[in-house]
C-alpha atoms as a PDB file:
ATOM      1  CA  UNK A   1      15.319   5.996 -34.216  1.00  0.00           C
ATOM      2  CA  UNK A   2      13.437   3.203 -32.812  1.00  0.00           C
ATOM      3  CA  UNK A   3      14.700   0.515 -35.262  1.00  0.00           C
ATOM      4  CA  UNK A   4      18.178   1.193 -34.512  1.00  0.00           C
ATOM      5  CA  UNK A   5      17.748   1.035 -30.808  1.00  0.00           C
ATOM      6  CA  UNK A   6      15.902  -2.267 -30.980  1.00  0.00           C
ATOM      7  CA  UNK A   7      18.566  -3.488 -33.601  1.00  0.00           C
ATOM      8  CA  UNK A   8      21.016  -3.244 -30.570  1.00  0.00           C
ATOM      9  CA  UNK A   9      18.888  -6.035 -28.902  1.00  0.00           C
ATOM     10  CA  UNK A  10      18.653  -8.543 -31.616  1.00  0.00           C
ATOM     11  CA  UNK A  11      18.211 -11.992 -30.715  1.00  0.00           C
ATOM     12  CA  UNK A  12      17.135 -11.100 -26.979  1.00  0.00           C
ATOM     13  CA  UNK A  13      14.093 -13.392 -26.068  1.00  0.00           C
ATOM     14  CA  UNK A  14      11.312 -11.413 -24.464  1.00  0.00           C
ATOM     15  CA  UNK A  15       7.736 -12.071 -22.721  1.00  0.00           C
ATOM     16  CA  UNK A  16       4.746  -9.746 -22.964  1.00  0.00           C
ATOM     17  CA  UNK A  17       2.665  -9.930 -19.765  1.00  0.00           C
ATOM     18  CA  UNK A  18      -0.013  -7.583 -17.869  1.00  0.00           C
ATOM     19  CA  UNK A  19      -1.619  -7.454 -14.577  1.00  0.00           C
ATOM     20  CA  UNK A  20      -5.168  -6.080 -14.749  1.00  0.00           C
ATOM     21  CA  UNK A  21      -4.353  -4.299 -18.201  1.00  0.00           C
ATOM     22  CA  UNK A  22      -1.154  -2.846 -17.015  1.00  0.00           C
ATOM     23  CA  UNK A  23       1.464  -4.321 -19.589  1.00  0.00           C
ATOM     24  CA  UNK A  24       4.899  -4.808 -19.305  1.00  0.00           C
ATOM     25  CA  UNK A  25       7.713  -6.262 -21.669  1.00  0.00           C
ATOM     26  CA  UNK A  26       9.837  -8.706 -19.614  1.00  0.00           C
ATOM     27  CA  UNK A  27      13.425  -9.889 -19.907  1.00  0.00           C
ATOM     28  CA  UNK A  28      15.256 -12.587 -18.062  1.00  0.00           C
ATOM     29  CA  UNK A  29      19.026 -11.524 -17.536  1.00  0.00           C
ATOM     30  CA  UNK A  30      20.412 -14.042 -15.250  1.00  0.00           C
ATOM     31  CA  UNK A  31      23.976 -13.143 -15.895  1.00  0.00           C
ATOM     32  CA  UNK A  32      23.505  -9.265 -15.461  1.00  0.00           C
ATOM     33  CA  UNK A  33      24.813  -9.189 -19.044  1.00  0.00           C
ATOM     34  CA  UNK A  34      21.958  -6.331 -20.595  1.00  0.00           C
ATOM     35  CA  UNK A  35      22.758  -2.862 -19.853  1.00  0.00           C
ATOM     36  CA  UNK A  36      19.497  -1.175 -21.096  1.00  0.00           C
ATOM     37  CA  UNK A  37      19.316   2.490 -21.941  1.00  0.00           C
ATOM     38  CA  UNK A  38      16.535   4.706 -21.725  1.00  0.00           C
ATOM     39  CA  UNK A  39      16.483   5.067 -25.418  1.00  0.00           C
ATOM     40  CA  UNK A  40      16.268   1.081 -25.658  1.00  0.00           C
ATOM     41  CA  UNK A  41      13.818   0.853 -23.082  1.00  0.00           C
ATOM     42  CA  UNK A  42      11.468   3.634 -24.572  1.00  0.00           C
ATOM     43  CA  UNK A  43      11.860   1.736 -27.933  1.00  0.00           C
ATOM     44  CA  UNK A  44      10.769  -1.497 -26.763  1.00  0.00           C
ATOM     45  CA  UNK A  45       7.625   0.037 -24.783  1.00  0.00           C
ATOM     46  CA  UNK A  46       6.758   1.865 -27.956  1.00  0.00           C
ATOM     47  CA  UNK A  47       3.224   0.863 -29.282  1.00  0.00           C
ATOM     48  CA  UNK A  48       3.866   1.797 -33.018  1.00  0.00           C
ATOM     49  CA  UNK A  49       7.616   1.020 -33.497  1.00  0.00           C
ATOM     50  CA  UNK A  50       8.249  -1.390 -30.587  1.00  0.00           C
ATOM     51  CA  UNK A  51       6.780  -4.123 -28.754  1.00  0.00           C
ATOM     52  CA  UNK A  52       4.630  -2.181 -26.765  1.00  0.00           C
ATOM     53  CA  UNK A  53       3.904  -1.772 -22.756  1.00  0.00           C
ATOM     54  CA  UNK A  54       3.612   0.730 -20.039  1.00  0.00           C
ATOM     55  CA  UNK A  55       6.946  -0.392 -18.828  1.00  0.00           C
ATOM     56  CA  UNK A  56       9.744  -2.756 -18.942  1.00  0.00           C
ATOM     57  CA  UNK A  57      10.911  -5.146 -16.439  1.00  0.00           C
ATOM     58  CA  UNK A  58      14.283  -6.851 -16.390  1.00  0.00           C
ATOM     59  CA  UNK A  59      14.693  -9.960 -13.946  1.00  0.00           C
ATOM     60  CA  UNK A  60      18.456  -9.704 -12.661  1.00  0.00           C
ATOM     61  CA  UNK A  61      20.074 -11.261  -9.494  1.00  0.00           C
ATOM     62  CA  UNK A  62      20.179  -8.625  -6.612  1.00  0.00           C
ATOM     63  CA  UNK A  63      23.778  -9.293  -5.780  1.00  0.00           C
ATOM     64  CA  UNK A  64      24.435  -8.470  -9.646  1.00  0.00           C
ATOM     65  CA  UNK A  65      22.362  -5.025  -9.446  1.00  0.00           C
ATOM     66  CA  UNK A  66      24.919  -1.910  -9.193  1.00  0.00           C
ATOM     67  CA  UNK A  67      24.318  -0.338  -5.885  1.00  0.00           C
ATOM     68  CA  UNK A  68      22.400  -3.137  -4.576  1.00  0.00           C
ATOM     69  CA  UNK A  69      24.794  -5.386  -3.620  1.00  0.00           C
ATOM     70  CA  UNK A  70      24.338  -4.480   0.281  1.00  0.00           C
ATOM     71  CA  UNK A  71      20.711  -5.269   0.032  1.00  0.00           C
ATOM     72  CA  UNK A  72      21.781  -8.576  -1.455  1.00  0.00           C
ATOM     73  CA  UNK A  73      24.014  -9.365   1.398  1.00  0.00           C
ATOM     74  CA  UNK A  74      21.535  -8.247   3.817  1.00  0.00           C
ATOM     75  CA  UNK A  75      18.752 -10.410   2.279  1.00  0.00           C
ATOM     76  CA  UNK A  76      20.127 -13.754   0.827  1.00  0.00           C
ATOM     77  CA  UNK A  77      16.386 -14.812   0.282  1.00  0.00           C
ATOM     78  CA  UNK A  78      15.763 -11.728  -2.445  1.00  0.00           C
ATOM     79  CA  UNK A  79      17.449 -13.490  -4.898  1.00  0.00           C
ATOM     80  CA  UNK A  80      15.972 -11.871  -7.893  1.00  0.00           C
ATOM     81  CA  UNK A  81      15.822  -8.037  -8.337  1.00  0.00           C
ATOM     82  CA  UNK A  82      13.149  -6.357 -10.432  1.00  0.00           C
ATOM     83  CA  UNK A  83      14.533  -3.687 -12.428  1.00  0.00           C
ATOM     84  CA  UNK A  84      11.355  -1.990 -13.592  1.00  0.00           C
ATOM     85  CA  UNK A  85      11.475   1.164 -15.922  1.00  0.00           C
ATOM     86  CA  UNK A  86       8.588   3.537 -17.080  1.00  0.00           C
ATOM     87  CA  UNK A  87       7.798   3.286 -20.848  1.00  0.00           C
ATOM     88  CA  UNK A  88       9.893   6.616 -21.441  1.00  0.00           C
ATOM     89  CA  UNK A  89      12.793   4.871 -20.314  1.00  0.00           C
ATOM     90  CA  UNK A  90      12.849   6.531 -16.942  1.00  0.00           C
ATOM     91  CA  UNK A  91      13.638   4.607 -13.703  1.00  0.00           C
ATOM     92  CA  UNK A  92      10.739   4.022 -11.058  1.00  0.00           C
ATOM     93  CA  UNK A  93      11.144   3.106  -7.707  1.00  0.00           C
ATOM     94  CA  UNK A  94       8.222   0.575  -7.706  1.00  0.00           C
ATOM     95  CA  UNK A  95       5.329  -0.981  -9.487  1.00  0.00           C
ATOM     96  CA  UNK A  96       2.750  -3.221  -7.622  1.00  0.00           C
ATOM     97  CA  UNK A  97       1.124  -4.684 -11.013  1.00  0.00           C
ATOM     98  CA  UNK A  98       4.657  -5.153 -12.285  1.00  0.00           C
ATOM     99  CA  UNK A  99       5.406  -7.117  -8.987  1.00  0.00           C
ATOM    100  CA  UNK A 100       2.660  -9.334  -9.904  1.00  0.00           C
ATOM    101  CA  UNK A 101       3.693  -9.701 -13.348  1.00  0.00           C
ATOM    102  CA  UNK A 102       7.424 -10.357 -12.380  1.00  0.00           C
ATOM    103  CA  UNK A 103       6.327 -13.173 -10.354  1.00  0.00           C
ATOM    104  CA  UNK A 104       4.285 -14.794 -12.787  1.00  0.00           C
ATOM    105  CA  UNK A 105       7.374 -14.330 -15.309  1.00  0.00           C
ATOM    106  CA  UNK A 106       9.884 -15.735 -12.786  1.00  0.00           C
ATOM    107  CA  UNK A 107       7.606 -18.919 -12.496  1.00  0.00           C
ATOM    108  CA  UNK A 108       6.941 -19.171 -16.082  1.00  0.00           C
ATOM    109  CA  UNK A 109      10.745 -19.247 -17.087  1.00  0.00           C
ATOM    110  CA  UNK A 110      11.390 -21.731 -14.236  1.00  0.00           C
ATOM    111  CA  UNK A 111      13.494 -19.395 -12.454  1.00  0.00           C
ATOM    112  CA  UNK A 112      11.704 -19.939  -9.320  1.00  0.00           C
ATOM    113  CA  UNK A 113       9.195 -22.448  -8.200  1.00  0.00           C
ATOM    114  CA  UNK A 114       6.357 -21.336  -6.117  1.00  0.00           C
ATOM    115  CA  UNK A 115       3.085 -23.374  -5.095  1.00  0.00           C
ATOM    116  CA  UNK A 116       0.061 -21.559  -4.111  1.00  0.00           C
ATOM    117  CA  UNK A 117       0.251 -20.557  -0.493  1.00  0.00           C
ATOM    118  CA  UNK A 118       4.030 -20.431  -0.516  1.00  0.00           C
ATOM    119  CA  UNK A 119       5.748 -16.943  -0.681  1.00  0.00           C
ATOM    120  CA  UNK A 120       9.161 -15.518  -1.663  1.00  0.00           C
ATOM    121  CA  UNK A 121      11.052 -12.394  -1.759  1.00  0.00           C
ATOM    122  CA  UNK A 122      12.798  -9.976  -4.469  1.00  0.00           C
ATOM    123  CA  UNK A 123      14.721  -6.974  -4.259  1.00  0.00           C
ATOM    124  CA  UNK A 124      13.372  -3.749  -5.673  1.00  0.00           C
ATOM    125  CA  UNK A 125      14.469   0.098  -5.786  1.00  0.00           C
ATOM    126  CA  UNK A 126      11.614   0.539  -3.135  1.00  0.00           C
ATOM    127  CA  UNK A 127      13.384  -2.445  -0.968  1.00  0.00           C
ATOM    128  CA  UNK A 128      12.451  -5.980  -0.200  1.00  0.00           C
ATOM    129  CA  UNK A 129       9.016  -7.134  -1.094  1.00  0.00           C
ATOM    130  CA  UNK A 130       7.381 -10.290  -0.139  1.00  0.00           C
ATOM    131  CA  UNK A 131       5.132 -12.157  -2.774  1.00  0.00           C
ATOM    132  CA  UNK A 132       2.590 -14.845  -1.935  1.00  0.00           C
ATOM    133  CA  UNK A 133       1.035 -16.886  -4.515  1.00  0.00           C
ATOM    134  CA  UNK A 134      -2.695 -17.026  -4.133  1.00  0.00           C
ATOM    135  CA  UNK A 135      -5.347 -19.118  -5.923  1.00  0.00           C
ATOM    136  CA  UNK A 136      -6.272 -16.058  -8.343  1.00  0.00           C
ATOM    137  CA  UNK A 137      -3.120 -14.609  -8.853  1.00  0.00           C
ATOM    138  CA  UNK A 138      -0.482 -13.117  -6.458  1.00  0.00           C
ATOM    139  CA  UNK A 139      -0.550 -10.817  -3.155  1.00  0.00           C
ATOM    140  CA  UNK A 140       2.539  -8.509  -2.775  1.00  0.00           C
ATOM    141  CA  UNK A 141       3.392  -6.874   0.478  1.00  0.00           C
ATOM    142  CA  UNK A 142       4.436  -3.440  -0.328  1.00  0.00           C
ATOM    143  CA  UNK A 143       5.140  -2.291   3.101  1.00  0.00           C
ATOM    144  CA  UNK A 144       3.820   0.725   5.054  1.00  0.00           C
ATOM    145  CA  UNK A 145       2.253   3.731   3.239  1.00  0.00           C
ATOM    146  CA  UNK A 146       2.866   7.249   4.220  1.00  0.00           C
ATOM    147  CA  UNK A 147       2.068  11.045   3.902  1.00  0.00           C
ATOM    148  CA  UNK A 148       4.426  12.897   1.706  1.00  0.00           C
ATOM    149  CA  UNK A 149       3.667  16.317   2.897  1.00  0.00           C
ATOM    150  CA  UNK A 150       2.979  14.890   6.647  1.00  0.00           C
ATOM    151  CA  UNK A 151       2.843  18.185   8.545  1.00  0.00           C
ATOM    152  CA  UNK A 152       0.443  19.882   6.078  1.00  0.00           C
ATOM    153  CA  UNK A 153      -1.840  16.731   5.527  1.00  0.00           C
ATOM    154  CA  UNK A 154      -2.291  16.211   9.266  1.00  0.00           C
ATOM    155  CA  UNK A 155      -3.677  19.792   9.517  1.00  0.00           C
ATOM    156  CA  UNK A 156      -6.268  19.436   7.041  1.00  0.00           C
ATOM    157  CA  UNK A 157      -6.396  16.138   5.102  1.00  0.00           C
ATOM    158  CA  UNK A 158      -5.180  17.881   2.143  1.00  0.00           C
ATOM    159  CA  UNK A 159      -1.838  18.725   0.911  1.00  0.00           C
ATOM    160  CA  UNK A 160      -1.869  19.746  -2.860  1.00  0.00           C
ATOM    161  CA  UNK A 161      -4.061  20.893  -5.719  1.00  0.00           C
ATOM    162  CA  UNK A 162      -4.325  19.057  -8.860  1.00  0.00           C
ATOM    163  CA  UNK A 163      -5.683  20.439 -11.784  1.00  0.00           C
ATOM    164  CA  UNK A 164      -6.733  18.000 -14.829  1.00  0.00           C
ATOM    165  CA  UNK A 165      -6.502  18.947 -18.615  1.00  0.00           C
ATOM    166  CA  UNK A 166      -9.298  21.239 -19.445  1.00  0.00           C
ATOM    167  CA  UNK A 167     -10.245  22.319 -16.314  1.00  0.00           C
ATOM    168  CA  UNK A 168     -10.396  25.725 -14.781  1.00  0.00           C
ATOM    169  CA  UNK A 169     -10.656  25.057 -11.100  1.00  0.00           C
ATOM    170  CA  UNK A 170      -7.837  22.611  -9.275  1.00  0.00           C
ATOM    171  CA  UNK A 171      -9.128  20.018  -6.851  1.00  0.00           C
ATOM    172  CA  UNK A 172      -7.919  19.259  -3.669  1.00  0.00           C
ATOM    173  CA  UNK A 173      -5.629  16.161  -3.029  1.00  0.00           C
ATOM    174  CA  UNK A 174      -3.372  14.213  -0.667  1.00  0.00           C
ATOM    175  CA  UNK A 175      -0.180  12.963  -1.480  1.00  0.00           C
ATOM    176  CA  UNK A 176       0.798   9.282  -0.516  1.00  0.00           C
ATOM    177  CA  UNK A 177       3.957   7.438  -0.766  1.00  0.00           C
ATOM    178  CA  UNK A 178       4.049   3.734  -1.631  1.00  0.00           C
ATOM    179  CA  UNK A 179       7.583   3.641  -2.107  1.00  0.00           C
ATOM    180  CA  UNK A 180       6.815   5.573  -5.072  1.00  0.00           C
ATOM    181  CA  UNK A 181       4.774   8.827  -5.176  1.00  0.00           C
ATOM    182  CA  UNK A 182       0.925   9.509  -5.591  1.00  0.00           C
ATOM    183  CA  UNK A 183      -1.274  12.397  -5.646  1.00  0.00           C
ATOM    184  CA  UNK A 184      -4.927  11.050  -4.861  1.00  0.00           C
ATOM    185  CA  UNK A 185      -7.968  13.275  -5.719  1.00  0.00           C
ATOM    186  CA  UNK A 186     -11.411  12.257  -4.831  1.00  0.00           C
ATOM    187  CA  UNK A 187     -14.368  13.109  -7.157  1.00  0.00           C
ATOM    188  CA  UNK A 188     -17.954  13.168  -6.132  1.00  0.00           C
ATOM    189  CA  UNK A 189     -19.274  10.924  -8.893  1.00  0.00           C
ATOM    190  CA  UNK A 190     -18.524   8.370 -11.674  1.00  0.00           C
ATOM    191  CA  UNK A 191     -19.643  10.660 -14.766  1.00  0.00           C
ATOM    192  CA  UNK A 192     -16.877  13.207 -13.656  1.00  0.00           C
ATOM    193  CA  UNK A 193     -14.497  10.188 -13.292  1.00  0.00           C
ATOM    194  CA  UNK A 194     -15.475   8.781 -17.005  1.00  0.00           C
ATOM    195  CA  UNK A 195     -15.103  12.355 -18.651  1.00  0.00           C
ATOM    196  CA  UNK A 196     -11.586  13.039 -17.203  1.00  0.00           C
ATOM    197  CA  UNK A 197      -9.080  14.059 -20.186  1.00  0.00           C
ATOM    198  CA  UNK A 198      -5.846  12.099 -18.863  1.00  0.00           C
ATOM    199  CA  UNK A 199      -4.022  11.953 -21.863  1.00  0.00           C
ATOM    200  CA  UNK A 200      -1.638  14.819 -20.405  1.00  0.00           C
ATOM    201  CA  UNK A 201      -0.206  14.904 -17.061  1.00  0.00           C
ATOM    202  CA  UNK A 202      -2.301  16.968 -14.609  1.00  0.00           C
ATOM    203  CA  UNK A 203      -0.819  19.735 -12.913  1.00  0.00           C
ATOM    204  CA  UNK A 204      -0.026  19.333  -9.586  1.00  0.00           C
ATOM    205  CA  UNK A 205       1.015  22.019  -6.840  1.00  0.00           C
ATOM    206  CA  UNK A 206       2.925  21.487  -5.022  1.00  0.00           C
ATOM    207  CA  UNK A 207       4.666  18.461  -6.838  1.00  0.00           C
ATOM    208  CA  UNK A 208       6.522  15.825  -4.999  1.00  0.00           C
ATOM    209  CA  UNK A 209      10.221  15.996  -5.666  1.00  0.00           C
ATOM    210  CA  UNK A 210      10.749  13.127  -8.271  1.00  0.00           C
ATOM    211  CA  UNK A 211       7.255  13.590  -9.684  1.00  0.00           C
ATOM    212  CA  UNK A 212       4.037  11.756  -9.134  1.00  0.00           C
ATOM    213  CA  UNK A 213       1.317   9.542 -10.257  1.00  0.00           C
ATOM    214  CA  UNK A 214      -1.707  11.094  -9.996  1.00  0.00           C
ATOM    215  CA  UNK A 215      -4.971   8.863  -8.968  1.00  0.00           C
ATOM    216  CA  UNK A 216      -8.879  10.243  -9.362  1.00  0.00           C
ATOM    217  CA  UNK A 217     -11.199   8.078  -7.195  1.00  0.00           C
ATOM    218  CA  UNK A 218     -14.665   7.973  -6.569  1.00  0.00           C
ATOM    219  CA  UNK A 219     -15.848   6.079  -3.441  1.00  0.00           C
ATOM    220  CA  UNK A 220     -18.907   3.658  -3.957  1.00  0.00           C
ATOM    221  CA  UNK A 221     -22.210   4.624  -2.210  1.00  0.00           C
ATOM    222  CA  UNK A 222     -22.620   2.773   0.077  1.00  0.00           C
ATOM    223  CA  UNK A 223     -18.641   2.740   0.647  1.00  0.00           C
ATOM    224  CA  UNK A 224     -18.680  -0.922   2.677  1.00  0.00           C
ATOM    225  CA  UNK A 225     -20.792  -3.509   1.044  1.00  0.00           C
ATOM    226  CA  UNK A 226     -22.217  -6.452   3.215  1.00  0.00           C
ATOM    227  CA  UNK A 227     -19.056  -8.271   3.037  1.00  0.00           C
ATOM    228  CA  UNK A 228     -17.246  -5.577   4.877  1.00  0.00           C
ATOM    229  CA  UNK A 229     -15.146  -4.637   2.007  1.00  0.00           C
ATOM    230  CA  UNK A 230     -14.830  -1.004   1.003  1.00  0.00           C
ATOM    231  CA  UNK A 231     -15.390  -0.426  -2.789  1.00  0.00           C
ATOM    232  CA  UNK A 232     -13.743   2.546  -4.976  1.00  0.00           C
ATOM    233  CA  UNK A 233     -13.158   3.263  -8.481  1.00  0.00           C
ATOM    234  CA  UNK A 234     -10.169   4.913  -9.759  1.00  0.00           C
ATOM    235  CA  UNK A 235      -8.321   6.299 -13.003  1.00  0.00           C
ATOM    236  CA  UNK A 236      -4.778   6.824 -12.955  1.00  0.00           C
ATOM    237  CA  UNK A 237      -2.065   9.252 -14.740  1.00  0.00           C
ATOM    238  CA  UNK A 238       1.146   7.225 -14.237  1.00  0.00           C
ATOM    239  CA  UNK A 239       4.412   9.321 -14.316  1.00  0.00           C
ATOM    240  CA  UNK A 240       6.590   8.585 -17.306  1.00  0.00           C
ATOM    241  CA  UNK A 241       3.761   7.081 -18.851  1.00  0.00           C
ATOM    242  CA  UNK A 242       0.403   8.302 -19.155  1.00  0.00           C
ATOM    243  CA  UNK A 243      -3.009   7.020 -18.435  1.00  0.00           C
ATOM    244  CA  UNK A 244      -2.710   3.150 -18.031  1.00  0.00           C
ATOM    245  CA  UNK A 245      -5.547   0.568 -17.323  1.00  0.00           C
ATOM    246  CA  UNK A 246      -4.363  -0.117 -14.061  1.00  0.00           C
ATOM    247  CA  UNK A 247      -1.720   1.165 -11.125  1.00  0.00           C
ATOM    248  CA  UNK A 248      -1.256  -1.492  -8.214  1.00  0.00           C
ATOM    249  CA  UNK A 249       0.509   1.148  -5.877  1.00  0.00           C
ATOM    250  CA  UNK A 250      -1.550   3.665  -7.127  1.00  0.00           C
ATOM    251  CA  UNK A 251      -4.814   1.155  -6.059  1.00  0.00           C
ATOM    252  CA  UNK A 252      -3.238   0.991  -2.831  1.00  0.00           C
ATOM    253  CA  UNK A 253      -2.589   4.656  -2.469  1.00  0.00           C
ATOM    254  CA  UNK A 254      -6.328   5.624  -3.365  1.00  0.00           C
ATOM    255  CA  UNK A 255      -7.706   3.410  -0.882  1.00  0.00           C
ATOM    256  CA  UNK A 256      -4.997   4.825   1.766  1.00  0.00           C
ATOM    257  CA  UNK A 257      -6.284   8.335   1.036  1.00  0.00           C
ATOM    258  CA  UNK A 258      -9.954   7.764   1.223  1.00  0.00           C
ATOM    259  CA  UNK A 259      -9.456   5.376   4.470  1.00  0.00           C
ATOM    260  CA  UNK A 260      -7.335   8.457   5.806  1.00  0.00           C
ATOM    261  CA  UNK A 261     -10.157  10.790   5.061  1.00  0.00           C
ATOM    262  CA  UNK A 262     -12.991   8.621   6.602  1.00  0.00           C
ATOM    263  CA  UNK A 263     -10.611   7.725   9.849  1.00  0.00           C
ATOM    264  CA  UNK A 264     -13.090   9.675  12.174  1.00  0.00           C
ATOM    265  CA  UNK A 265     -15.784   7.054  11.189  1.00  0.00           C
ATOM    266  CA  UNK A 266     -14.304   3.527  11.090  1.00  0.00           C
ATOM    267  CA  UNK A 267     -10.963   1.797  10.160  1.00  0.00           C
ATOM    268  CA  UNK A 268     -11.715  -0.284   7.085  1.00  0.00           C
ATOM    269  CA  UNK A 269      -8.723  -2.645   6.283  1.00  0.00           C
ATOM    270  CA  UNK A 270     -10.176  -4.324   3.277  1.00  0.00           C
ATOM    271  CA  UNK A 271     -10.560  -2.905  -0.032  1.00  0.00           C
ATOM    272  CA  UNK A 272     -11.853  -3.590  -3.626  1.00  0.00           C
ATOM    273  CA  UNK A 273     -10.200  -1.008  -5.966  1.00  0.00           C
ATOM    274  CA  UNK A 274     -12.096  -1.096  -9.626  1.00  0.00           C
ATOM    275  CA  UNK A 275      -9.652   0.210 -12.511  1.00  0.00           C
ATOM    276  CA  UNK A 276     -10.427   0.085 -16.145  1.00  0.00           C
ATOM    277  CA  UNK A 277      -8.332  -2.910 -16.401  1.00  0.00           C
ATOM    278  CA  UNK A 278     -10.281  -5.205 -13.603  1.00  0.00           C
ATOM    279  CA  UNK A 279     -10.279  -5.339  -9.990  1.00  0.00           C
ATOM    280  CA  UNK A 280      -7.601  -5.174  -7.549  1.00  0.00           C
ATOM    281  CA  UNK A 281      -7.488  -6.044  -3.504  1.00  0.00           C
ATOM    282  CA  UNK A 282      -5.861  -3.931  -1.198  1.00  0.00           C
ATOM    283  CA  UNK A 283      -5.395  -4.906   2.640  1.00  0.00           C
ATOM    284  CA  UNK A 284      -3.947  -2.821   5.556  1.00  0.00           C
ATOM    285  CA  UNK A 285      -2.501  -5.463   7.860  1.00  0.00           C
ATOM    286  CA  UNK A 286      -0.783  -4.575  11.300  1.00  0.00           C
ATOM    287  CA  UNK A 287       2.968  -5.643  11.253  1.00  0.00           C
ATOM    288  CA  UNK A 288       5.474  -6.568  14.049  1.00  0.00           C
ATOM    289  CA  UNK A 289       6.945  -2.996  14.301  1.00  0.00           C
ATOM    290  CA  UNK A 290       3.737  -1.495  15.505  1.00  0.00           C
ATOM    291  CA  UNK A 291       2.778  -0.077  12.176  1.00  0.00           C
ATOM    292  CA  UNK A 292       0.714  -1.667   9.140  1.00  0.00           C
ATOM    293  CA  UNK A 293       1.795  -2.891   5.985  1.00  0.00           C
ATOM    294  CA  UNK A 294      -0.390  -2.763   2.624  1.00  0.00           C
ATOM    295  CA  UNK A 295      -1.025  -5.945   0.838  1.00  0.00           C
ATOM    296  CA  UNK A 296      -2.113  -5.619  -3.102  1.00  0.00           C
ATOM    297  CA  UNK A 297      -3.597  -8.801  -4.853  1.00  0.00           C
ATOM    298  CA  UNK A 298      -4.644  -9.412  -8.122  1.00  0.00           C
ATOM    299  CA  UNK A 299      -4.187 -11.461 -11.440  1.00  0.00           C
ATOM    300  CA  UNK A 300      -1.066 -11.491 -13.643  1.00  0.00           C
ATOM    301  CA  UNK A 301      -0.793 -13.388 -16.850  1.00  0.00           C
ATOM    302  CA  UNK A 302       1.625 -13.636 -19.684  1.00  0.00           C
ATOM    303  CA  UNK A 303       0.324 -13.160 -23.356  1.00  0.00           C
ATOM    304  CA  UNK A 304       3.033 -13.574 -25.789  1.00  0.00           C
ATOM    305  CA  UNK A 305       6.722 -14.551 -26.129  1.00  0.00           C
ATOM    306  CA  UNK A 306       9.374 -13.634 -28.977  1.00  0.00           C
ATOM    307  CA  UNK A 307      12.687 -12.701 -29.766  1.00  0.00           C
ATOM    308  CA  UNK A 308      13.721  -9.199 -30.759  1.00  0.00           C
ATOM    309  CA  UNK A 309      14.635  -9.002 -34.313  1.00  0.00           C
ATOM    310  CA  UNK A 310      17.422  -7.437 -36.261  1.00  0.00           C
ATOM    311  CA  UNK A 311      16.797  -4.237 -37.973  1.00  0.00           C
END
């Protein structure tokens, strides 16, 4: 199966990249000539029969992405579109680590020029996103976060129950949207976090309409260090992928949830989120609309290049 699907892509150049261990197969398609099926994406991302990755990213002009022509017309600066797919071939709205890897790939391919301190825009299924190159990576404005089940969350700060594999008791959780869905669970200590079995998708009830990523988070003690940055640790089961070493939008959702739970004590805007693949930064910043944007920052790198071979 996998050899057949990959054979259909013979001769296609690719790069392999990651952002804090969240890894991707990246393909440039400047003429929008590649129509990838879910089966082909799953074959590319398979860790035994394919290249291997948590997801696949295709760089295509926004104006040539079916269904997003109007987005291109309204946002001419967002020339490139991040066509992101999960490793099982399913479509995802957004991937925060993927955006950083995507930016790094565009620069490495010579498709854009971006100096430290400069910014550019991309199109995505979650709308237009601004990326800024920083000294040690990239900062991505993911826009506002929100509560998926707002009425219930406002009442008791939880809106769902999550039961990990092997647990008899479900845990209270809060569902956050970052343009894609997340369900965040707070745990009391790092030992419980380390012992979680996230091989299978945790049970979530109620589950957001299009499924959800599930984040388990442990706040640091004390939560805020001397530099004023709040510290949390997180593991994640990604929708359509499984457990990953990092999830950028998940880190933002985890910080947003802990911040929401702690809103009666202090409004914390700077966060450091430790994931198995490293550390990412999350900042909540007021915007011109009177709300606040969520800024994700961290490194990204390419680790390999190749050409898909014939069967």
